[in-house]
Each structure stands twice: as C-alpha cells, then as structure tokens.
Amino acid sequence: MNPKELQHDKKYLYTGGAEPVEVTYRYETINRYMFRMNDNDFSLSVVSVRFNIEELQCAD
C-alpha cells in the first residue's frame, strides 16, 4: 500500500508476520509510520508499509 494513502485511526491488515493481524494507523514520524495493535504502538518503515499493509476488505 502507498504510505500516502494511510488514514489516521483507520484499521488495516498487517501481513508481515506468521498470520495477518488487524492494526490501526496512528501517525507518521520521520521515515516511520506508527501503528497500534493490542494496546501497543509499533513503527514500520516505508518499505514495510508498501509490502505488508493492506486495506481491510468488508464482508458484504
């Protein structure tokens, strides 16, 4: 996903681990993007966002 398309407090799918998990985008710092998962903040690089963050698909 293009990091410029991230929206504050929106939920996304992080696919960089053993299983995809739901994360919430918080804010951008210099060369990093802050996310929240299970009440813990963590940062991802621009490259990690491009390859490991996807929009959640709504089940209709």
N, C-alpha and C. Protein backbone atom coordinates (compact mmCIF):
# COMPACT_ATOMS: atom_id res chain seq x y z
N MET A 1 0.85 -1.17 0.00
CA MET A 1 0.00 0.00 0.00
C MET A 1 0.89 1.23 0.00
N ASN A 2 0.47 2.25 -0.71
CA ASN A 2 1.20 3.50 -0.73
C ASN A 2 1.02 4.19 0.63
N PRO A 3 2.12 4.51 1.33
CA PRO A 3 2.00 5.14 2.65
C PRO A 3 1.22 6.45 2.65
N LYS A 4 1.22 7.17 1.56
CA LYS A 4 0.50 8.44 1.48
C LYS A 4 -1.02 8.23 1.52
N GLU A 5 -1.49 7.00 1.29
CA GLU A 5 -2.91 6.70 1.31
C GLU A 5 -3.43 6.31 2.69
N LEU A 6 -2.53 6.19 3.68
CA LEU A 6 -2.96 5.83 5.03
C LEU A 6 -3.81 6.93 5.62
N GLN A 7 -4.84 6.52 6.38
CA GLN A 7 -5.74 7.47 7.02
C GLN A 7 -5.67 7.27 8.53
N HIS A 8 -5.58 8.37 9.26
CA HIS A 8 -5.47 8.37 10.72
C HIS A 8 -6.63 7.59 11.35
N ASP A 9 -6.30 6.73 12.30
CA ASP A 9 -7.26 5.91 13.06
C ASP A 9 -8.05 4.90 12.23
N LYS A 10 -7.60 4.61 11.02
CA LYS A 10 -8.26 3.59 10.20
C LYS A 10 -7.57 2.25 10.42
N LYS A 11 -8.36 1.18 10.37
CA LYS A 11 -7.82 -0.17 10.57
C LYS A 11 -7.33 -0.75 9.24
N TYR A 12 -6.18 -1.46 9.32
CA TYR A 12 -5.56 -2.10 8.17
C TYR A 12 -5.14 -3.51 8.55
N LEU A 13 -4.75 -4.27 7.56
CA LEU A 13 -4.29 -5.64 7.77
C LEU A 13 -2.78 -5.66 7.59
N TYR A 14 -2.06 -6.13 8.63
CA TYR A 14 -0.60 -6.27 8.56
C TYR A 14 -0.29 -7.72 8.22
N THR A 15 0.38 -7.95 7.11
CA THR A 15 0.62 -9.31 6.61
C THR A 15 2.08 -9.72 6.71
N GLY A 16 2.88 -9.03 7.52
CA GLY A 16 4.32 -9.31 7.60
C GLY A 16 4.69 -10.37 8.61
N GLY A 17 3.74 -10.89 9.35
CA GLY A 17 4.04 -11.91 10.36
C GLY A 17 3.57 -13.28 9.94
N ALA A 18 3.54 -14.20 10.89
CA ALA A 18 3.10 -15.57 10.61
C ALA A 18 1.63 -15.59 10.19
N GLU A 19 0.83 -14.74 10.82
CA GLU A 19 -0.60 -14.63 10.48
C GLU A 19 -0.93 -13.16 10.29
N PRO A 20 -1.84 -12.84 9.36
CA PRO A 20 -2.28 -11.45 9.21
C PRO A 20 -3.00 -10.98 10.47
N VAL A 21 -2.72 -9.75 10.89
CA VAL A 21 -3.36 -9.18 12.07
C VAL A 21 -3.90 -7.79 11.74
N GLU A 22 -4.94 -7.39 12.47
CA GLU A 22 -5.54 -6.08 12.28
C GLU A 22 -4.77 -5.04 13.10
N VAL A 23 -4.40 -3.95 12.46
CA VAL A 23 -3.68 -2.86 13.12
C VAL A 23 -4.39 -1.54 12.82
N THR A 24 -4.15 -0.55 13.64
CA THR A 24 -4.73 0.78 13.46
C THR A 24 -3.61 1.77 13.19
N TYR A 25 -3.73 2.54 12.12
CA TYR A 25 -2.73 3.56 11.80
C TYR A 25 -2.88 4.73 12.74
N ARG A 26 -1.77 5.19 13.33
CA ARG A 26 -1.80 6.29 14.29
C ARG A 26 -1.28 7.59 13.66
N TYR A 27 -0.01 7.63 13.31
CA TYR A 27 0.58 8.85 12.76
C TYR A 27 1.91 8.55 12.09
N GLU A 28 2.44 9.55 11.40
CA GLU A 28 3.72 9.43 10.69
C GLU A 28 4.80 10.18 11.45
N THR A 29 5.99 9.59 11.54
CA THR A 29 7.17 10.27 12.05
C THR A 29 8.17 10.36 10.90
N ILE A 30 9.37 10.78 11.16
CA ILE A 30 10.37 10.87 10.10
C ILE A 30 10.73 9.46 9.65
N ASN A 31 10.39 9.12 8.42
CA ASN A 31 10.68 7.82 7.79
C ASN A 31 10.05 6.61 8.49
N ARG A 32 9.07 6.81 9.36
CA ARG A 32 8.40 5.70 10.04
C ARG A 32 6.91 5.99 10.10
N TYR A 33 6.13 4.92 10.25
CA TYR A 33 4.68 5.03 10.38
C TYR A 33 4.27 4.27 11.64
N MET A 34 3.56 4.93 12.52
CA MET A 34 3.18 4.33 13.80
C MET A 34 1.81 3.66 13.70
N PHE A 35 1.75 2.44 14.21
CA PHE A 35 0.52 1.65 14.24
C PHE A 35 0.27 1.19 15.66
N ARG A 36 -0.96 0.75 15.93
CA ARG A 36 -1.33 0.21 17.24
C ARG A 36 -1.96 -1.17 17.04
N MET A 37 -1.53 -2.10 17.90
CA MET A 37 -2.10 -3.45 17.90
C MET A 37 -2.11 -3.93 19.35
N ASN A 38 -3.25 -4.38 19.82
CA ASN A 38 -3.38 -4.90 21.20
C ASN A 38 -2.84 -3.91 22.23
N ASP A 39 -3.21 -2.63 22.10
CA ASP A 39 -2.80 -1.57 23.03
C ASP A 39 -1.29 -1.32 23.06
N ASN A 40 -0.57 -1.75 22.04
CA ASN A 40 0.86 -1.49 21.93
C ASN A 40 1.15 -0.77 20.62
N ASP A 41 1.94 0.29 20.70
CA ASP A 41 2.34 1.01 19.49
C ASP A 41 3.60 0.38 18.92
N PHE A 42 3.70 0.36 17.60
CA PHE A 42 4.92 -0.09 16.94
C PHE A 42 5.06 0.68 15.64
N SER A 43 6.28 0.75 15.14
CA SER A 43 6.52 1.52 13.92
C SER A 43 6.94 0.61 12.78
N LEU A 44 6.61 1.04 11.58
CA LEU A 44 7.01 0.34 10.37
C LEU A 44 7.70 1.31 9.44
N SER A 45 8.65 0.81 8.68
CA SER A 45 9.34 1.64 7.69
C SER A 45 8.45 1.82 6.46
N VAL A 46 8.86 2.72 5.60
CA VAL A 46 8.12 2.96 4.35
C VAL A 46 8.03 1.67 3.54
N VAL A 47 9.11 0.92 3.46
CA VAL A 47 9.13 -0.33 2.69
C VAL A 47 8.18 -1.35 3.30
N SER A 48 8.17 -1.46 4.63
CA SER A 48 7.25 -2.41 5.29
C SER A 48 5.80 -2.04 5.04
N VAL A 49 5.49 -0.75 5.05
CA VAL A 49 4.11 -0.32 4.77
C VAL A 49 3.74 -0.69 3.34
N ARG A 50 4.64 -0.44 2.40
CA ARG A 50 4.36 -0.74 0.99
C ARG A 50 4.05 -2.22 0.76
N PHE A 51 4.79 -3.10 1.43
CA PHE A 51 4.66 -4.53 1.16
C PHE A 51 3.79 -5.30 2.15
N ASN A 52 3.58 -4.78 3.36
CA ASN A 52 2.91 -5.56 4.41
C ASN A 52 1.61 -4.99 4.95
N ILE A 53 1.18 -3.83 4.45
CA ILE A 53 -0.08 -3.24 4.91
C ILE A 53 -1.09 -3.30 3.77
N GLU A 54 -2.28 -3.80 4.09
CA GLU A 54 -3.36 -3.89 3.11
C GLU A 54 -4.63 -3.31 3.73
N GLU A 55 -5.51 -2.82 2.87
CA GLU A 55 -6.81 -2.36 3.36
C GLU A 55 -7.64 -3.56 3.76
N LEU A 56 -8.41 -3.40 4.84
CA LEU A 56 -9.33 -4.46 5.25
C LEU A 56 -10.46 -4.55 4.25
N GLN A 57 -10.83 -5.74 3.89
CA GLN A 57 -11.95 -5.96 2.98
C GLN A 57 -13.20 -6.19 3.79
N CYS A 58 -14.24 -5.43 3.54
CA CYS A 58 -15.52 -5.59 4.25
C CYS A 58 -16.25 -6.81 3.70
N ALA A 59 -16.77 -7.61 4.59
CA ALA A 59 -17.56 -8.78 4.17
C ALA A 59 -19.01 -8.34 3.99
N ASP A 60 -19.48 -8.34 2.78
CA ASP A 60 -20.86 -7.94 2.49
C ASP A 60 -21.74 -9.14 2.23
